[in-house]
Amino acid sequence: MKNRRFAGGVVAAAIVGNALFVLWGRHTFMPLGLVWVSAALLGILLLVLAAILHAFTKARPDPAAQLSIRMSVASALVCFALLPSVPILAHRHRLDLEAARARAESLIPALAAQRETTGRYPDTLAAVAGDEPLPWLLTEPGAYRSSGTGYVLQVRHPGHPYAAHERRHTETRWRLTQ
């Protein structure tokens, strides 16, 4: 019964950990490969810690040491359980990037119309976005910059701290910047 409850707790912690990781990871520009390697290495280190604790307490069992070993193993399992979330996040990042670029493309004619009407590009994308909310990547600082006579749209890649697609008012194509 005790082991079953422990296993249930580990599974529940893994589910909660994955949910929090996906919620956090969706809006981060931290490289997902770094997160994956960090989770794997932390899991391995926790298992090594559990093995060392077990080796030092094998001769005389100590309840506190047993608890530490169980918690180290449980934490390692939670770290390893996060690994499948990385491809899910990578897919979600691709969808977010595509949605932001498509929405930015749809706003380019509205930006041109604003320039024709007022002689200036708007200060924010919200001025031409209408009722439909902007994707989160287009609300990031630096996603749209206007000098009045020109603009730059920049859609940063989630999961990549330095990569972005950029398009200036004088260009007809997006270009990758790093």
N, C-alpha and C. Protein backbone atom coordinates (compact mmCIF):
# COMPACT_ATOMS: atom_id res chain seq x y z
N MET A 1 0.83 -1.20 0.00
CA MET A 1 0.00 0.00 0.00
C MET A 1 0.86 1.25 0.00
N LYS A 2 1.92 1.21 0.82
CA LYS A 2 2.82 2.36 0.93
C LYS A 2 3.51 2.64 -0.41
N ASN A 3 3.98 1.59 -1.09
CA ASN A 3 4.64 1.76 -2.39
C ASN A 3 3.67 2.22 -3.46
N ARG A 4 2.43 1.75 -3.38
CA ARG A 4 1.42 2.16 -4.36
C ARG A 4 1.11 3.65 -4.21
N ARG A 5 1.03 4.11 -2.98
CA ARG A 5 0.78 5.53 -2.72
C ARG A 5 1.97 6.38 -3.20
N PHE A 6 3.17 5.86 -2.94
CA PHE A 6 4.38 6.56 -3.39
C PHE A 6 4.40 6.66 -4.92
N ALA A 7 4.12 5.56 -5.60
CA ALA A 7 4.09 5.57 -7.07
C ALA A 7 3.01 6.52 -7.59
N GLY A 8 1.86 6.53 -6.94
CA GLY A 8 0.81 7.47 -7.34
C GLY A 8 1.23 8.91 -7.17
N GLY A 9 1.95 9.18 -6.09
CA GLY A 9 2.47 10.53 -5.87
C GLY A 9 3.48 10.94 -6.93
N VAL A 10 4.34 10.00 -7.32
CA VAL A 10 5.33 10.28 -8.37
C VAL A 10 4.62 10.56 -9.69
N VAL A 11 3.63 9.76 -10.03
CA VAL A 11 2.88 9.97 -11.27
C VAL A 11 2.16 11.32 -11.24
N ALA A 12 1.53 11.64 -10.11
CA ALA A 12 0.84 12.93 -9.99
C ALA A 12 1.83 14.08 -10.12
N ALA A 13 2.99 13.96 -9.48
CA ALA A 13 4.01 15.02 -9.59
C ALA A 13 4.50 15.15 -11.03
N ALA A 14 4.65 14.03 -11.73
CA ALA A 14 5.08 14.08 -13.13
C ALA A 14 4.04 14.77 -14.00
N ILE A 15 2.77 14.50 -13.77
CA ILE A 15 1.70 15.14 -14.55
C ILE A 15 1.67 16.64 -14.28
N VAL A 16 1.74 17.01 -13.02
CA VAL A 16 1.75 18.44 -12.67
C VAL A 16 3.00 19.11 -13.24
N GLY A 17 4.15 18.44 -13.12
CA GLY A 17 5.39 18.99 -13.67
C GLY A 17 5.31 19.21 -15.17
N ASN A 18 4.75 18.24 -15.88
CA ASN A 18 4.60 18.39 -17.33
C ASN A 18 3.66 19.54 -17.68
N ALA A 19 2.55 19.65 -16.96
CA ALA A 19 1.60 20.73 -17.24
C ALA A 19 2.25 22.09 -17.01
N LEU A 20 2.96 22.24 -15.89
CA LEU A 20 3.63 23.51 -15.61
C LEU A 20 4.74 23.79 -16.62
N PHE A 21 5.47 22.75 -17.01
CA PHE A 21 6.54 22.91 -17.99
C PHE A 21 5.99 23.38 -19.33
N VAL A 22 4.89 22.78 -19.77
CA VAL A 22 4.29 23.19 -21.05
C VAL A 22 3.75 24.61 -20.97
N LEU A 23 3.10 24.96 -19.86
CA LEU A 23 2.59 26.33 -19.70
C LEU A 23 3.73 27.35 -19.71
N TRP A 24 4.79 27.04 -18.98
CA TRP A 24 5.93 27.95 -18.93
C TRP A 24 6.67 27.95 -20.26
N GLY A 25 6.93 26.77 -20.77
CA GLY A 25 7.75 26.63 -21.96
C GLY A 25 7.15 27.21 -23.23
N ARG A 26 5.84 27.31 -23.27
CA ARG A 26 5.20 27.84 -24.48
C ARG A 26 5.59 29.30 -24.70
N HIS A 27 5.81 30.04 -23.65
CA HIS A 27 6.10 31.46 -23.78
C HIS A 27 7.54 31.79 -23.39
N THR A 28 8.45 30.89 -23.72
CA THR A 28 9.84 31.15 -23.41
C THR A 28 10.68 31.14 -24.69
N PHE A 29 11.78 31.83 -24.63
CA PHE A 29 12.71 31.82 -25.75
C PHE A 29 13.95 31.02 -25.41
N MET A 30 13.91 30.32 -24.27
CA MET A 30 15.02 29.46 -23.87
C MET A 30 15.10 28.27 -24.82
N PRO A 31 16.30 27.90 -25.24
CA PRO A 31 16.43 26.74 -26.14
C PRO A 31 15.89 25.46 -25.50
N LEU A 32 15.00 24.78 -26.19
CA LEU A 32 14.41 23.56 -25.64
C LEU A 32 15.43 22.44 -25.51
N GLY A 33 16.43 22.42 -26.36
CA GLY A 33 17.48 21.41 -26.23
C GLY A 33 18.22 21.55 -24.91
N LEU A 34 18.43 22.78 -24.48
CA LEU A 34 19.07 23.03 -23.20
C LEU A 34 18.21 22.53 -22.04
N VAL A 35 16.92 22.75 -22.15
CA VAL A 35 15.99 22.26 -21.12
C VAL A 35 16.02 20.73 -21.09
N TRP A 36 16.01 20.11 -22.26
CA TRP A 36 16.01 18.65 -22.35
C TRP A 36 17.26 18.07 -21.71
N VAL A 37 18.42 18.60 -22.07
CA VAL A 37 19.68 18.10 -21.52
C VAL A 37 19.74 18.35 -20.02
N SER A 38 19.29 19.51 -19.58
CA SER A 38 19.31 19.83 -18.14
C SER A 38 18.43 18.86 -17.35
N ALA A 39 17.24 18.56 -17.85
CA ALA A 39 16.34 17.63 -17.16
C ALA A 39 16.97 16.24 -17.10
N ALA A 40 17.56 15.79 -18.20
CA ALA A 40 18.18 14.47 -18.23
C ALA A 40 19.36 14.40 -17.26
N LEU A 41 20.21 15.42 -17.29
CA LEU A 41 21.38 15.41 -16.39
C LEU A 41 20.97 15.51 -14.92
N LEU A 42 19.98 16.34 -14.62
CA LEU A 42 19.52 16.44 -13.24
C LEU A 42 18.94 15.10 -12.78
N GLY A 43 18.19 14.44 -13.64
CA GLY A 43 17.65 13.12 -13.29
C GLY A 43 18.76 12.12 -12.99
N ILE A 44 19.79 12.13 -13.82
CA ILE A 44 20.92 11.22 -13.61
C ILE A 44 21.63 11.54 -12.29
N LEU A 45 21.86 12.82 -12.04
CA LEU A 45 22.54 13.22 -10.80
C LEU A 45 21.73 12.84 -9.56
N LEU A 46 20.42 12.96 -9.65
CA LEU A 46 19.57 12.56 -8.51
C LEU A 46 19.63 11.05 -8.28
N LEU A 47 19.70 10.28 -9.35
CA LEU A 47 19.85 8.82 -9.19
C LEU A 47 21.21 8.48 -8.59
N VAL A 48 22.25 9.20 -8.99
CA VAL A 48 23.58 8.98 -8.40
C VAL A 48 23.55 9.32 -6.92
N LEU A 49 22.89 10.42 -6.56
CA LEU A 49 22.76 10.78 -5.15
C LEU A 49 22.04 9.68 -4.37
N ALA A 50 20.97 9.16 -4.94
CA ALA A 50 20.24 8.07 -4.27
C ALA A 50 21.13 6.85 -4.09
N ALA A 51 21.94 6.53 -5.10
CA ALA A 51 22.84 5.37 -5.00
C ALA A 51 23.90 5.59 -3.93
N ILE A 52 24.42 6.80 -3.85
CA ILE A 52 25.43 7.09 -2.83
C ILE A 52 24.82 6.99 -1.43
N LEU A 53 23.63 7.57 -1.27
CA LEU A 53 22.95 7.48 0.03
C LEU A 53 22.68 6.02 0.41
N HIS A 54 22.27 5.25 -0.57
CA HIS A 54 21.99 3.83 -0.32
C HIS A 54 23.28 3.10 0.09
N ALA A 55 24.37 3.39 -0.59
CA ALA A 55 25.63 2.72 -0.28
C ALA A 55 26.11 3.04 1.13
N PHE A 56 25.93 4.29 1.56
CA PHE A 56 26.40 4.68 2.90
C PHE A 56 25.48 4.23 4.02
N THR A 57 24.23 3.92 3.71
CA THR A 57 23.30 3.53 4.78
C THR A 57 22.90 2.06 4.70
N LYS A 58 23.52 1.30 3.83
CA LYS A 58 23.15 -0.11 3.66
C LYS A 58 23.41 -0.92 4.92
N ALA A 59 24.50 -0.64 5.63
CA ALA A 59 24.86 -1.40 6.82
C ALA A 59 23.87 -1.17 7.96
N ARG A 60 23.46 0.06 8.15
CA ARG A 60 22.46 0.32 9.21
C ARG A 60 21.40 1.25 8.63
N PRO A 61 20.25 0.71 8.38
CA PRO A 61 19.16 1.49 7.78
C PRO A 61 18.74 2.65 8.67
N ASP A 62 18.57 3.78 8.05
CA ASP A 62 18.16 5.00 8.74
C ASP A 62 16.89 5.51 8.05
N PRO A 63 15.81 5.72 8.80
CA PRO A 63 14.56 6.16 8.17
C PRO A 63 14.70 7.49 7.42
N ALA A 64 15.50 8.40 7.95
CA ALA A 64 15.69 9.69 7.27
C ALA A 64 16.43 9.49 5.94
N ALA A 65 17.43 8.60 5.95
CA ALA A 65 18.16 8.32 4.72
C ALA A 65 17.26 7.62 3.71
N GLN A 66 16.43 6.70 4.19
CA GLN A 66 15.50 6.01 3.28
C GLN A 66 14.54 7.02 2.63
N LEU A 67 14.08 7.98 3.40
CA LEU A 67 13.21 9.01 2.86
C LEU A 67 13.95 9.85 1.82
N SER A 68 15.20 10.19 2.10
CA SER A 68 16.00 10.96 1.15
C SER A 68 16.21 10.19 -0.14
N ILE A 69 16.46 8.90 -0.02
CA ILE A 69 16.65 8.06 -1.21
C ILE A 69 15.36 8.02 -2.03
N ARG A 70 14.23 7.79 -1.35
CA ARG A 70 12.94 7.74 -2.07
C ARG A 70 12.65 9.06 -2.77
N MET A 71 12.92 10.18 -2.10
CA MET A 71 12.64 11.50 -2.69
C MET A 71 13.59 11.80 -3.85
N SER A 72 14.83 11.35 -3.74
CA SER A 72 15.78 11.54 -4.84
C SER A 72 15.34 10.75 -6.07
N VAL A 73 14.93 9.51 -5.84
CA VAL A 73 14.45 8.67 -6.96
C VAL A 73 13.18 9.27 -7.56
N ALA A 74 12.26 9.71 -6.70
CA ALA A 74 11.02 10.31 -7.19
C ALA A 74 11.31 11.58 -8.01
N SER A 75 12.22 12.41 -7.52
CA SER A 75 12.58 13.63 -8.25
C SER A 75 13.23 13.31 -9.58
N ALA A 76 14.08 12.28 -9.60
CA ALA A 76 14.70 11.86 -10.86
C ALA A 76 13.64 11.40 -11.85
N LEU A 77 12.67 10.63 -11.38
CA LEU A 77 11.61 10.15 -12.27
C LEU A 77 10.79 11.31 -12.82
N VAL A 78 10.55 12.32 -12.00
CA VAL A 78 9.81 13.50 -12.48
C VAL A 78 10.64 14.22 -13.54
N CYS A 79 11.94 14.35 -13.34
CA CYS A 79 12.81 14.98 -14.35
C CYS A 79 12.75 14.21 -15.66
N PHE A 80 12.85 12.89 -15.58
CA PHE A 80 12.79 12.08 -16.80
C PHE A 80 11.41 12.16 -17.45
N ALA A 81 10.38 12.32 -16.65
CA ALA A 81 9.02 12.41 -17.19
C ALA A 81 8.80 13.70 -17.97
N LEU A 82 9.62 14.72 -17.73
CA LEU A 82 9.50 15.98 -18.48
C LEU A 82 10.03 15.87 -19.91
N LEU A 83 10.88 14.90 -20.16
CA LEU A 83 11.52 14.79 -21.47
C LEU A 83 10.54 14.67 -22.64
N PRO A 84 9.44 13.92 -22.53
CA PRO A 84 8.51 13.85 -23.67
C PRO A 84 7.80 15.17 -23.96
N SER A 85 7.79 16.09 -23.01
CA SER A 85 7.12 17.38 -23.24
C SER A 85 7.90 18.27 -24.20
N VAL A 86 9.20 18.05 -24.35
CA VAL A 86 10.01 18.91 -25.21
C VAL A 86 9.55 18.84 -26.67
N PRO A 87 9.33 17.66 -27.27
CA PRO A 87 8.82 17.65 -28.65
C PRO A 87 7.42 18.27 -28.77
N ILE A 88 6.61 18.11 -27.73
CA ILE A 88 5.28 18.73 -27.75
C ILE A 88 5.42 20.24 -27.79
N LEU A 89 6.33 20.77 -26.97
CA LEU A 89 6.57 22.22 -26.96
C LEU A 89 7.16 22.69 -28.28
N ALA A 90 8.07 21.93 -28.86
CA ALA A 90 8.65 22.33 -30.15
C ALA A 90 7.56 22.43 -31.21
N HIS A 91 6.64 21.50 -31.21
CA HIS A 91 5.51 21.55 -32.15
C HIS A 91 4.64 22.78 -31.88
N ARG A 92 4.36 23.03 -30.61
CA ARG A 92 3.54 24.20 -30.22
C ARG A 92 4.23 25.49 -30.64
N HIS A 93 5.56 25.54 -30.49
CA HIS A 93 6.31 26.73 -30.91
C HIS A 93 6.20 26.95 -32.42
N ARG A 94 6.28 25.86 -33.20
CA ARG A 94 6.13 26.00 -34.66
C ARG A 94 4.76 26.56 -35.02
N LEU A 95 3.72 26.05 -34.35
CA LEU A 95 2.37 26.55 -34.61
C LEU A 95 2.23 28.02 -34.23
N ASP A 96 2.79 28.40 -33.09
CA ASP A 96 2.74 29.80 -32.66
C ASP A 96 3.47 30.71 -33.65
N LEU A 97 4.62 30.25 -34.13
CA LEU A 97 5.39 31.03 -35.09
C LEU A 97 4.63 31.20 -36.41
N GLU A 98 4.05 30.12 -36.90
CA GLU A 98 3.26 30.19 -38.14
C GLU A 98 2.06 31.12 -37.98
N ALA A 99 1.38 31.03 -36.85
CA ALA A 99 0.22 31.89 -36.60
C ALA A 99 0.62 33.36 -36.54
N ALA A 100 1.74 33.65 -35.89
CA ALA A 100 2.19 35.04 -35.78
C ALA A 100 2.61 35.59 -37.14
N ARG A 101 3.31 34.79 -37.92
CA ARG A 101 3.71 35.26 -39.25
C ARG A 101 2.51 35.47 -40.15
N ALA A 102 1.54 34.55 -40.09
CA ALA A 102 0.33 34.69 -40.92
C ALA A 102 -0.45 35.94 -40.51
N ARG A 103 -0.57 36.17 -39.22
CA ARG A 103 -1.30 37.36 -38.74
C ARG A 103 -0.56 38.63 -39.13
N ALA A 104 0.77 38.62 -39.02
CA ALA A 104 1.56 39.78 -39.42
C ALA A 104 1.39 40.05 -40.91
N GLU A 105 1.39 38.99 -41.72
CA GLU A 105 1.15 39.13 -43.17
C GLU A 105 -0.20 39.78 -43.44
N SER A 106 -1.21 39.37 -42.67
CA SER A 106 -2.55 39.91 -42.90
C SER A 106 -2.65 41.38 -42.47
N LEU A 107 -1.75 41.83 -41.61
CA LEU A 107 -1.77 43.22 -41.16
C LEU A 107 -1.00 44.17 -42.08
N ILE A 108 -0.17 43.63 -42.94
CA ILE A 108 0.64 44.48 -43.82
C ILE A 108 -0.23 45.38 -44.71
N PRO A 109 -1.30 44.86 -45.33
CA PRO A 109 -2.16 45.77 -46.11
C PRO A 109 -2.81 46.86 -45.24
N ALA A 110 -3.17 46.52 -44.01
CA ALA A 110 -3.76 47.52 -43.11
C ALA A 110 -2.73 48.58 -42.73
N LEU A 111 -1.48 48.17 -42.57
CA LEU A 111 -0.42 49.15 -42.30
C LEU A 111 -0.23 50.09 -43.48
N ALA A 112 -0.26 49.53 -44.70
CA ALA A 112 -0.12 50.36 -45.91
C ALA A 112 -1.31 51.31 -46.05
N ALA A 113 -2.50 50.81 -45.74
CA ALA A 113 -3.69 51.67 -45.81
C ALA A 113 -3.61 52.80 -44.80
N GLN A 114 -3.12 52.51 -43.61
CA GLN A 114 -2.94 53.55 -42.59
C GLN A 114 -1.96 54.61 -43.08
N ARG A 115 -0.91 54.17 -43.74
CA ARG A 115 0.09 55.11 -44.27
C ARG A 115 -0.53 55.98 -45.36
N GLU A 116 -1.34 55.38 -46.22
CA GLU A 116 -2.01 56.14 -47.28
C GLU A 116 -2.98 57.16 -46.71
N THR A 117 -3.67 56.78 -45.65
CA THR A 117 -4.69 57.65 -45.06
C THR A 117 -4.09 58.78 -44.24
N THR A 118 -3.13 58.45 -43.38
CA THR A 118 -2.60 59.43 -42.43
C THR A 118 -1.22 59.96 -42.79
N GLY A 119 -0.54 59.29 -43.72
CA GLY A 119 0.82 59.69 -44.06
C GLY A 119 1.87 59.10 -43.14
N ARG A 120 1.45 58.30 -42.18
CA ARG A 120 2.36 57.68 -41.23
C ARG A 120 1.92 56.23 -40.94
N TYR A 121 2.88 55.42 -40.62
CA TYR A 121 2.55 54.09 -40.12
C TYR A 121 2.14 54.24 -38.67
N PRO A 122 1.26 53.37 -38.17
CA PRO A 122 0.82 53.50 -36.76
C PRO A 122 1.95 53.20 -35.80
N ASP A 123 1.80 53.68 -34.58
CA ASP A 123 2.81 53.44 -33.55
C ASP A 123 2.77 52.02 -33.01
N THR A 124 1.60 51.38 -33.06
CA THR A 124 1.45 50.00 -32.56
C THR A 124 0.65 49.18 -33.56
N LEU A 125 0.82 47.89 -33.50
CA LEU A 125 0.03 46.98 -34.34
C LEU A 125 -1.43 46.96 -33.90
N ALA A 126 -1.68 47.22 -32.63
CA ALA A 126 -3.05 47.20 -32.12
C ALA A 126 -3.92 48.22 -32.84
N ALA A 127 -3.31 49.28 -33.38
CA ALA A 127 -4.07 50.31 -34.08
C ALA A 127 -4.71 49.79 -35.37
N VAL A 128 -4.15 48.75 -35.95
CA VAL A 128 -4.69 48.20 -37.20
C VAL A 128 -5.18 46.75 -37.03
N ALA A 129 -5.07 46.20 -35.82
CA ALA A 129 -5.39 44.79 -35.60
C ALA A 129 -6.89 44.50 -35.61
N GLY A 130 -7.70 45.48 -35.32
CA GLY A 130 -9.15 45.24 -35.26
C GLY A 130 -9.51 44.50 -33.98
N ASP A 131 -10.62 43.77 -34.04
CA ASP A 131 -11.12 43.07 -32.86
C ASP A 131 -10.39 41.77 -32.56
N GLU A 132 -9.80 41.17 -33.57
CA GLU A 132 -9.11 39.89 -33.37
C GLU A 132 -7.81 40.13 -32.59
N PRO A 133 -7.63 39.43 -31.46
CA PRO A 133 -6.42 39.65 -30.67
C PRO A 133 -5.16 39.22 -31.43
N LEU A 134 -4.08 39.89 -31.13
CA LEU A 134 -2.80 39.55 -31.75
C LEU A 134 -2.22 38.31 -31.09
N PRO A 135 -1.55 37.45 -31.86
CA PRO A 135 -0.85 36.31 -31.25
C PRO A 135 0.21 36.83 -30.28
N TRP A 136 0.53 36.03 -29.29
CA TRP A 136 1.44 36.49 -28.24
C TRP A 136 2.79 36.91 -28.79
N LEU A 137 3.26 36.29 -29.88
CA LEU A 137 4.55 36.67 -30.44
C LEU A 137 4.54 38.08 -31.03
N LEU A 138 3.36 38.56 -31.42
CA LEU A 138 3.26 39.92 -31.96
C LEU A 138 3.03 40.96 -30.86
N THR A 139 2.86 40.51 -29.64
CA THR A 139 2.72 41.45 -28.52
C THR A 139 4.02 41.57 -27.74
N GLU A 140 5.02 40.79 -28.11
CA GLU A 140 6.33 40.87 -27.46
C GLU A 140 6.98 42.22 -27.75
N PRO A 141 7.78 42.74 -26.82
CA PRO A 141 8.50 43.99 -27.10
C PRO A 141 9.39 43.83 -28.34
N GLY A 142 9.34 44.77 -29.21
CA GLY A 142 10.15 44.74 -30.42
C GLY A 142 9.52 44.00 -31.59
N ALA A 143 8.33 43.46 -31.42
CA ALA A 143 7.68 42.74 -32.52
C ALA A 143 7.30 43.70 -33.65
N TYR A 144 6.99 44.93 -33.29
CA TYR A 144 6.66 45.96 -34.29
C TYR A 144 7.30 47.26 -33.84
N ARG A 145 8.08 47.81 -34.74
CA ARG A 145 8.68 49.12 -34.48
C ARG A 145 8.35 50.03 -35.66
N SER A 146 7.93 51.25 -35.35
CA SER A 146 7.57 52.20 -36.39
C SER A 146 8.29 53.51 -36.18
N SER A 147 8.78 54.07 -37.27
CA SER A 147 9.38 55.40 -37.20
C SER A 147 8.41 56.43 -37.78
N GLY A 148 7.24 55.97 -38.16
CA GLY A 148 6.25 56.83 -38.81
C GLY A 148 6.36 56.72 -40.32
N THR A 149 7.58 56.76 -40.83
CA THR A 149 7.78 56.65 -42.28
C THR A 149 8.18 55.23 -42.69
N GLY A 150 8.41 54.37 -41.73
CA GLY A 150 8.78 52.99 -42.00
C GLY A 150 8.46 52.12 -40.80
N TYR A 151 8.52 50.83 -40.99
CA TYR A 151 8.28 49.90 -39.88
C TYR A 151 9.11 48.65 -40.05
N VAL A 152 9.25 47.95 -38.96
CA VAL A 152 9.91 46.64 -38.95
C VAL A 152 9.01 45.71 -38.16
N LEU A 153 8.66 44.59 -38.76
CA LEU A 153 7.96 43.51 -38.06
C LEU A 153 9.00 42.45 -37.73
N GLN A 154 9.02 42.01 -36.50
CA GLN A 154 9.98 41.01 -36.09
C GLN A 154 9.26 39.96 -35.25
N VAL A 155 9.24 38.73 -35.74
CA VAL A 155 8.61 37.62 -35.03
C VAL A 155 9.73 36.72 -34.52
N ARG A 156 9.96 36.79 -33.21
CA ARG A 156 11.01 35.96 -32.60
C ARG A 156 10.56 34.50 -32.55
N HIS A 157 11.53 33.61 -32.66
CA HIS A 157 11.26 32.18 -32.61
C HIS A 157 11.23 31.72 -31.16
N PRO A 158 10.10 31.20 -30.69
CA PRO A 158 10.09 30.64 -29.34
C PRO A 158 11.03 29.44 -29.29
N GLY A 159 11.72 29.31 -28.20
CA GLY A 159 12.67 28.20 -28.08
C GLY A 159 14.03 28.51 -28.68
N HIS A 160 14.20 29.68 -29.26
CA HIS A 160 15.47 30.11 -29.85
C HIS A 160 15.71 31.56 -29.44
N PRO A 161 16.68 31.80 -28.57
CA PRO A 161 16.81 33.15 -28.00
C PRO A 161 17.20 34.24 -28.99
N TYR A 162 17.84 33.89 -30.09
CA TYR A 162 18.34 34.93 -31.00
C TYR A 162 17.73 34.91 -32.39
N ALA A 163 16.97 33.90 -32.74
CA ALA A 163 16.42 33.79 -34.09
C ALA A 163 15.10 34.53 -34.20
N ALA A 164 14.91 35.18 -35.33
CA ALA A 164 13.66 35.89 -35.59
C ALA A 164 13.46 36.01 -37.09
N HIS A 165 12.20 36.10 -37.50
CA HIS A 165 11.86 36.46 -38.87
C HIS A 165 11.57 37.95 -38.86
N GLU A 166 12.14 38.63 -39.82
CA GLU A 166 12.00 40.08 -39.84
C GLU A 166 11.56 40.54 -41.23
N ARG A 167 10.72 41.56 -41.23
CA ARG A 167 10.27 42.12 -42.50
C ARG A 167 10.14 43.64 -42.32
N ARG A 168 10.77 44.36 -43.22
CA ARG A 168 10.71 45.82 -43.21
C ARG A 168 9.67 46.29 -44.21
N HIS A 169 9.27 47.54 -44.08
CA HIS A 169 8.25 48.09 -44.96
C HIS A 169 8.68 48.11 -46.42
N THR A 170 9.98 48.10 -46.68
CA THR A 170 10.49 48.15 -48.05
C THR A 170 10.70 46.76 -48.65
N GLU A 171 10.47 45.71 -47.87
CA GLU A 171 10.74 44.35 -48.33
C GLU A 171 9.44 43.60 -48.60
N THR A 172 9.53 42.62 -49.48
CA THR A 172 8.35 41.81 -49.80
C THR A 172 8.45 40.41 -49.21
N ARG A 173 9.59 40.09 -48.62
CA ARG A 173 9.79 38.75 -48.04
C ARG A 173 10.33 38.87 -46.63
N TRP A 174 10.07 37.81 -45.88
CA TRP A 174 10.62 37.70 -44.54
C TRP A 174 12.05 37.21 -44.65
N ARG A 175 12.89 37.65 -43.76
CA ARG A 175 14.26 37.13 -43.71
C ARG A 175 14.58 36.70 -42.29
N LEU A 176 15.38 35.66 -42.20
CA LEU A 176 15.77 35.12 -40.91
C LEU A 176 16.93 35.92 -40.37
N THR A 177 16.83 36.42 -39.15
CA THR A 177 17.94 37.12 -38.50
C THR A 177 18.36 36.34 -37.27
N GLN A 178 19.62 36.50 -36.92
CA GLN A 178 20.13 35.83 -35.72
C GLN A 178 21.03 36.74 -34.96
